[in-house]
Structures are given as C-alpha cells and as structure tokens.
C-alpha atoms as a PDB file:
ATOM      1  CA  MET A   1     110.016  95.659  82.083  1.00  0.00           C
ATOM      2  CA  LEU A   2     108.895  96.792  85.553  1.00  0.00           C
ATOM      3  CA  TRP A   3     107.907  93.919  87.904  1.00  0.00           C
ATOM      4  CA  ARG A   4     104.782  94.626  89.722  1.00  0.00           C
ATOM      5  CA  PRO A   5     104.210  92.617  92.912  1.00  0.00           C
ATOM      6  CA  ASP A   6     100.435  92.756  92.514  1.00  0.00           C
ATOM      7  CA  LEU A   7      99.782  94.373  95.877  1.00  0.00           C
ATOM      8  CA  TYR A   8      96.266  95.009  97.106  1.00  0.00           C
ATOM      9  CA  PHE A   9      94.804  96.698 100.123  1.00  0.00           C
ATOM     10  CA  ALA A  10      92.564  94.221 101.896  1.00  0.00           C
ATOM     11  CA  ASN A  11      90.331  96.710 103.753  1.00  0.00           C
ATOM     12  CA  ALA A  12      90.238  99.460 101.142  1.00  0.00           C
ATOM     13  CA  ARG A  13      86.787 100.325  99.927  1.00  0.00           C
ATOM     14  CA  LYS A  14      87.823 102.782  97.240  1.00  0.00           C
ATOM     15  CA  ALA A  15      91.079 103.501  95.416  1.00  0.00           C
ATOM     16  CA  ASN A  16      91.726 105.880  92.573  1.00  0.00           C
ATOM     17  CA  PHE A  17      94.009 106.316  89.649  1.00  0.00           C
ATOM     18  CA  HIS A  18      94.745 110.057  89.602  1.00  0.00           C
ATOM     19  CA  ASP A  19      93.118 111.601  86.585  1.00  0.00           C
ATOM     20  CA  ILE A  20      93.742 115.189  85.906  1.00  0.00           C
ATOM     21  CA  THR A  21      92.816 115.952  82.301  1.00  0.00           C
ATOM     22  CA  VAL A  22      93.500 112.456  81.005  1.00  0.00           C
ATOM     23  CA  ARG A  23      93.899 109.034  82.647  1.00  0.00           C
ATOM     24  CA  ASN A  24      97.286 108.230  84.058  1.00  0.00           C
ATOM     25  CA  PHE A  25      99.382 106.183  81.555  1.00  0.00           C
ATOM     26  CA  LEU A  26     102.811 106.174  83.262  1.00  0.00           C
ATOM     27  CA  MET A  27     103.922 105.143  86.771  1.00  0.00           C
ATOM     28  CA  TYR A  28     106.264 107.452  88.566  1.00  0.00           C
ATOM     29  CA  ILE A  29     108.283 106.103  91.385  1.00  0.00           C
ATOM     30  CA  GLU A  30     110.787 108.481  93.002  1.00  0.00           C
ATOM     31  CA  GLU A  31     114.449 107.499  93.350  1.00  0.00           C
ATOM     32  CA  ASP A  32     114.056 106.783  97.000  1.00  0.00           C
ATOM     33  CA  GLY A  33     111.128 104.416  96.322  1.00  0.00           C
ATOM     34  CA  THR A  34     108.343 106.788  97.433  1.00  0.00           C
ATOM     35  CA  LEU A  35     104.927 106.043  96.126  1.00  0.00           C
ATOM     36  CA  THR A  36     101.892 108.140  96.793  1.00  0.00           C
ATOM     37  CA  ILE A  37      98.605 106.302  97.190  1.00  0.00           C
ATOM     38  CA  SER A  38      94.994 107.587  97.784  1.00  0.00           C
ATOM     39  CA  LEU A  39      92.576 105.164  99.452  1.00  0.00           C
ATOM     40  CA  THR A  40      89.255 105.107 101.300  1.00  0.00           C
ATOM     41  CA  VAL A  41      89.803 102.534 104.030  1.00  0.00           C
ATOM     42  CA  MET A  42      87.305 100.759 106.213  1.00  0.00           C
ATOM     43  CA  CYS A  43      88.077 101.055 109.860  1.00  0.00           C
ATOM     44  CA  MET A  44      86.151  99.260 112.504  1.00  0.00           C
ATOM     45  CA  MET A  45      85.748 101.834 115.235  1.00  0.00           C
ATOM     46  CA  ASP A  46      84.997 101.269 118.830  1.00  0.00           C
ATOM     47  CA  LEU A  47      82.370 103.959 119.552  1.00  0.00           C
ATOM     48  CA  SER A  48      81.635 102.962 123.161  1.00  0.00           C
ATOM     49  CA  LYS A  49      83.431 106.107 124.463  1.00  0.00           C
ATOM     50  CA  TYR A  50      82.201 108.434 121.608  1.00  0.00           C
ATOM     51  CA  PRO A  51      82.856 111.458 121.495  1.00  0.00           C
ATOM     52  CA  LEU A  52      85.789 111.031 123.964  1.00  0.00           C
ATOM     53  CA  ASP A  53      87.425 108.198 121.978  1.00  0.00           C
ATOM     54  CA  ASP A  54      90.781 107.418 120.419  1.00  0.00           C
ATOM     55  CA  GLN A  55      90.840 105.168 117.415  1.00  0.00           C
ATOM     56  CA  ARG A  56      93.437 102.818 115.849  1.00  0.00           C
ATOM     57  CA  CYS A  57      92.892 101.748 112.334  1.00  0.00           C
ATOM     58  CA  LEU A  58      94.924  99.193 110.384  1.00  0.00           C
ATOM     59  CA  LEU A  59      95.546  99.125 106.564  1.00  0.00           C
ATOM     60  CA  ARG A  60      96.353  95.608 105.480  1.00  0.00           C
ATOM     61  CA  ILE A  61      98.687  95.256 102.411  1.00  0.00           C
ATOM     62  CA  LEU A  62      98.959  91.814 100.715  1.00  0.00           C
ATOM     63  CA  SER A  63     100.042  90.292  97.441  1.00  0.00           C
ATOM     64  CA  TYR A  64      97.265  89.059  95.198  1.00  0.00           C
ATOM     65  CA  ALA A  65      99.281  86.757  92.933  1.00  0.00           C
ATOM     66  CA  TYR A  66     102.450  85.750  94.806  1.00  0.00           C
ATOM     67  CA  ASP A  67     102.661  83.608  97.885  1.00  0.00           C
ATOM     68  CA  LYS A  68     105.420  83.854 100.541  1.00  0.00           C
ATOM     69  CA  GLU A  69     107.786  81.679  98.561  1.00  0.00           C
ATOM     70  CA  ASP A  70     107.806  84.295  95.702  1.00  0.00           C
ATOM     71  CA  LEU A  71     107.267  87.544  97.649  1.00  0.00           C
ATOM     72  CA  ILE A  72     107.825  88.691 101.214  1.00  0.00           C
ATOM     73  CA  ILE A  73     106.320  92.103 101.942  1.00  0.00           C
ATOM     74  CA  GLU A  74     107.985  94.116 104.676  1.00  0.00           C
ATOM     75  CA  TRP A  75     108.576  97.722 105.606  1.00  0.00           C
ATOM     76  CA  HIS A  76     111.847  99.242 104.657  1.00  0.00           C
ATOM     77  CA  ASN A  77     112.396 100.729 108.107  1.00  0.00           C
ATOM     78  CA  ASP A  78     110.404 102.008 111.086  1.00  0.00           C
ATOM     79  CA  SER A  79     109.765 105.361 109.430  1.00  0.00           C
ATOM     80  CA  ALA A  80     108.505 103.793 106.150  1.00  0.00           C
ATOM     81  CA  ILE A  81     105.129 105.528 106.488  1.00  0.00           C
ATOM     82  CA  SER A  82     104.951 109.251 106.696  1.00  0.00           C
ATOM     83  CA  GLN A  83     101.967 111.406 107.299  1.00  0.00           C
ATOM     84  CA  ASN A  84     100.659 113.984 104.937  1.00  0.00           C
ATOM     85  CA  PRO A  85     100.072 117.070 107.123  1.00  0.00           C
ATOM     86  CA  THR A  86      97.581 118.646 104.685  1.00  0.00           C
ATOM     87  CA  ILE A  87      95.041 115.753 105.009  1.00  0.00           C
ATOM     88  CA  ARG A  88      92.436 116.475 107.713  1.00  0.00           C
ATOM     89  CA  ILE A  89      89.560 114.471 109.022  1.00  0.00           C
ATOM     90  CA  ALA A  90      86.474 116.519 110.046  1.00  0.00           C
ATOM     91  CA  ASP A  91      86.358 115.564 113.765  1.00  0.00           C
ATOM     92  CA  MET A  92      89.583 113.608 114.252  1.00  0.00           C
ATOM     93  CA  GLU A  93      93.229 114.585 114.762  1.00  0.00           C
ATOM     94  CA  LEU A  94      95.673 112.099 113.183  1.00  0.00           C
ATOM     95  CA  LEU A  95      98.288 111.657 115.921  1.00  0.00           C
ATOM     96  CA  ASN A  96     100.576 109.044 114.515  1.00  0.00           C
ATOM     97  CA  THR A  97     101.111 106.703 111.513  1.00  0.00           C
ATOM     98  CA  SER A  98     103.457 103.776 111.863  1.00  0.00           C
ATOM     99  CA  ALA A  99     104.210 100.246 110.534  1.00  0.00           C
ATOM    100  CA  GLY A 100     101.808  97.920 112.223  1.00  0.00           C
ATOM    101  CA  PRO A 101     102.120  94.315 113.206  1.00  0.00           C
ATOM    102  CA  SER A 102     102.744  91.562 110.593  1.00  0.00           C
ATOM    103  CA  CYS A 103      99.569  89.822 109.451  1.00  0.00           C
ATOM    104  CA  ASP A 104     100.868  86.851 107.395  1.00  0.00           C
ATOM    105  CA  ILE A 105      98.069  84.565 106.330  1.00  0.00           C
ATOM    106  CA  ASP A 106      98.080  80.761 106.074  1.00  0.00           C
ATOM    107  CA  TYR A 107      95.530  79.354 103.672  1.00  0.00           C
ATOM    108  CA  GLY A 108      96.444  75.656 104.224  1.00  0.00           C
ATOM    109  CA  THR A 109      98.468  74.970 101.156  1.00  0.00           C
ATOM    110  CA  ARG A 110     100.169  78.345 100.856  1.00  0.00           C
ATOM    111  CA  LYS A 111     101.287  81.221 103.034  1.00  0.00           C
ATOM    112  CA  TRP A 112     100.864  84.768 102.014  1.00  0.00           C
ATOM    113  CA  SER A 113     102.969  87.714 103.197  1.00  0.00           C
ATOM    114  CA  CYS A 114     101.136  90.624 104.724  1.00  0.00           C
ATOM    115  CA  VAL A 115     101.961  93.922 106.415  1.00  0.00           C
ATOM    116  CA  THR A 116      99.913  96.572 108.097  1.00  0.00           C
ATOM    117  CA  ALA A 117     100.051 100.315 108.507  1.00  0.00           C
ATOM    118  CA  GLU A 118      98.580 101.700 111.681  1.00  0.00           C
ATOM    119  CA  PHE A 119      96.853 105.045 112.085  1.00  0.00           C
ATOM    120  CA  HIS A 120      96.177 106.472 115.508  1.00  0.00           C
ATOM    121  CA  GLY A 121      93.606 109.258 115.746  1.00  0.00           C
ATOM    122  CA  ARG A 122      91.955 111.160 118.543  1.00  0.00           C
ATOM    123  CA  ARG A 123      88.464 112.755 118.228  1.00  0.00           C
ATOM    124  CA  LEU A 124      88.440 116.543 118.548  1.00  0.00           C
ATOM    125  CA  ARG A 125      86.462 117.154 121.687  1.00  0.00           C
ATOM    126  CA  MET A 126      85.858 120.973 121.741  1.00  0.00           C
ATOM    127  CA  HIS A 127      83.228 120.708 118.970  1.00  0.00           C
ATOM    128  CA  HIS A 128      81.206 118.215 121.030  1.00  0.00           C
ATOM    129  CA  TYR A 129      81.512 120.315 124.231  1.00  0.00           C
ATOM    130  CA  LEU A 130      80.336 123.398 122.422  1.00  0.00           C
ATOM    131  CA  GLN A 131      77.530 121.623 120.389  1.00  0.00           C
ATOM    132  CA  MET A 132      76.173 119.167 122.977  1.00  0.00           C
ATOM    133  CA  TYR A 133      77.455 119.283 126.564  1.00  0.00           C
ATOM    134  CA  ILE A 134      77.243 123.027 127.337  1.00  0.00           C
ATOM    135  CA  PRO A 135      73.830 123.582 125.617  1.00  0.00           C
ATOM    136  CA  THR A 136      72.386 120.509 127.283  1.00  0.00           C
ATOM    137  CA  GLY A 137      73.621 121.741 130.666  1.00  0.00           C
ATOM    138  CA  LEU A 138      72.137 125.141 130.121  1.00  0.00           C
ATOM    139  CA  ILE A 139      68.793 123.561 129.153  1.00  0.00           C
ATOM    140  CA  VAL A 140      68.778 121.519 132.427  1.00  0.00           C
ATOM    141  CA  VAL A 141      69.490 124.753 134.355  1.00  0.00           C
ATOM    142  CA  VAL A 142      66.641 126.533 132.609  1.00  0.00           C
ATOM    143  CA  SER A 143      64.302 123.637 133.413  1.00  0.00           C
ATOM    144  CA  TRP A 144      64.992 124.253 137.118  1.00  0.00           C
ATOM    145  CA  LEU A 145      63.300 127.556 136.791  1.00  0.00           C
ATOM    146  CA  GLY A 146      59.986 125.630 136.861  1.00  0.00           C
ATOM    147  CA  PHE A 147      60.489 125.136 140.670  1.00  0.00           C
ATOM    148  CA  TRP A 148      60.394 128.899 141.250  1.00  0.00           C
ATOM    149  CA  ILE A 149      57.413 129.579 139.028  1.00  0.00           C
ATOM    150  CA  ASP A 150      54.187 129.967 141.004  1.00  0.00           C
ATOM    151  CA  PRO A 151      52.213 126.682 141.083  1.00  0.00           C
ATOM    152  CA  SER A 152      49.091 128.533 139.895  1.00  0.00           C
ATOM    153  CA  ALA A 153      50.867 129.685 136.663  1.00  0.00           C
ATOM    154  CA  VAL A 154      50.108 126.503 134.824  1.00  0.00           C
ATOM    155  CA  PRO A 155      50.566 127.910 131.284  1.00  0.00           C
ATOM    156  CA  ALA A 156      54.080 129.175 132.109  1.00  0.00           C
ATOM    157  CA  ARG A 157      55.129 125.856 133.678  1.00  0.00           C
ATOM    158  CA  VAL A 158      53.725 123.808 130.784  1.00  0.00           C
ATOM    159  CA  ALA A 159      55.376 126.058 128.240  1.00  0.00           C
ATOM    160  CA  LEU A 160      58.771 125.665 130.055  1.00  0.00           C
ATOM    161  CA  VAL A 161      58.449 121.878 130.204  1.00  0.00           C
ATOM    162  CA  ILE A 162      57.454 121.552 126.519  1.00  0.00           C
ATOM    163  CA  THR A 163      60.176 123.926 125.365  1.00  0.00           C
ATOM    164  CA  THR A 164      62.958 122.088 127.237  1.00  0.00           C
ATOM    165  CA  LEU A 165      61.576 118.659 126.117  1.00  0.00           C
ATOM    166  CA  LEU A 166      61.454 119.703 122.471  1.00  0.00           C
ATOM    167  CA  THR A 167      64.998 121.214 122.640  1.00  0.00           C
ATOM    168  CA  ILE A 168      66.441 118.071 124.162  1.00  0.00           C
ATOM    169  CA  THR A 169      64.712 115.936 121.533  1.00  0.00           C
ATOM    170  CA  THR A 170      66.053 118.113 118.695  1.00  0.00           C
ATOM    171  CA  GLN A 171      69.574 117.892 120.114  1.00  0.00           C
ATOM    172  CA  ALA A 172      69.293 114.056 120.352  1.00  0.00           C
ATOM    173  CA  ASN A 173      68.178 113.811 116.739  1.00  0.00           C
ATOM    174  CA  SER A 174      71.030 116.127 115.716  1.00  0.00           C
ATOM    175  CA  ALA A 175      73.585 113.971 117.554  1.00  0.00           C
ATOM    176  CA  ARG A 176      72.160 110.773 115.902  1.00  0.00           C
ATOM    177  CA  VAL A 177      72.517 112.314 112.443  1.00  0.00           C
ATOM    178  CA  THR A 178      76.112 113.452 113.036  1.00  0.00           C
ATOM    179  CA  LEU A 179      77.414 110.120 114.386  1.00  0.00           C
ATOM    180  CA  PRO A 180      80.669 109.164 112.642  1.00  0.00           C
ATOM    181  CA  ALA A 181      80.626 107.002 109.597  1.00  0.00           C
ATOM    182  CA  VAL A 182      81.966 103.494 109.770  1.00  0.00           C
ATOM    183  CA  GLY A 183      84.929 104.244 107.532  1.00  0.00           C
ATOM    184  CA  ALA A 184      87.627 106.833 107.654  1.00  0.00           C
ATOM    185  CA  LEU A 185      89.754 108.393 104.959  1.00  0.00           C
ATOM    186  CA  PHE A 186      93.504 108.456 105.440  1.00  0.00           C
ATOM    187  CA  GLY A 187      96.311 109.443 103.132  1.00  0.00           C
ATOM    188  CA  PHE A 188      99.884 108.163 103.464  1.00  0.00           C
ATOM    189  CA  VAL A 189     103.061 107.806 101.579  1.00  0.00           C
ATOM    190  CA  ALA A 190     104.760 104.423 101.663  1.00  0.00           C
ATOM    191  CA  ASN A 191     108.406 103.548 101.023  1.00  0.00           C
END
C-alpha cells in the first residue's frame, strides 16, 4: 500500500538495484525520508579550459506517470541533498551539491513537475602539472641545448631534435587518451 510517484532521472545513463547475494525485494525508507540512490549520470562538460576547469552538472528528476495536477516535485529544504564524502572522482574534487533550479516542462496539453540537483566540481590540477606542464617545459629547455652544440656535430643535433620531437608526440598521444569521459559518476542522498 505504498504510493510510488514513478520518478525517473532524465539524464541518467545507468541505475542499479542493489544486489548483494539476492535481488532487492523490499524498499527501505528511513524515518526522516532519506533514500539512497546510485546513478551514472550524463553531464555535458565544457572542456574549453581543460585541465583548469570547473564543472556544474545537473541531475533532472521528473515523474513519468503523473502530471503537475497530480504531483508536484519539490525539495524538502535547501539542504535536501547531502554529499557522500567517500565517493571520489578520479581527477575531480566535488565541491558542492545543492538543489538546483526548477525545470518544469510544458508539453502543450499537460505540465510536468521537475526538479534538479546541482553538482559543482573542480578538476584536480596537480596531476596535470606533474604529468604534462613540468615535463613539457623540461623538454623545451633540453631542446635549447641544440644551440650550444657545435654546428659540425650533425649526429648529436639530429639525435636531440628527434628525441625531443618523439617525446612531445608521445606526451600528446598520452594526453589525448586520458581526456575525460563525457559522463561523470556522482552519488547523493535525497530527502
């Protein structure tokens, strides 16, 4: 006799029922209304300042079956979303989670209630400094040694140019492979 408002997460790409040894068969909701959800959410990132970027991702929550006449979705209070401190993203620091702006949708004949949760993350920069900026700077400094090598020492000058060129190419390929994925994984608790 539990009414389920048929909520769905519009930009979720993957959601799980938690299976330990057997599939979940009961729903546990704590007395204060806390519900734990695990989702893989799509986040359109602006990578124009990568790796020195901050990202804001929204999670859209809507009702599938009930329009705004039957169901209005809203956050209980400003601190309705709390952050799980044990969840980490490989190269991001989750700074803040909060209730985002309302996103009610009008489909012509009906209006649907919608809320958002906002996640604000900052990319961890030290990794990129140590893996890209400092080594690239050192390679450029090493390439300047070619100006002090005797002009008649052609094999030494060619070896230095080829070595620095191959090193820079290898670094560029490594950076391309490690570019961030389009989606991000966040965990949160909603009230």
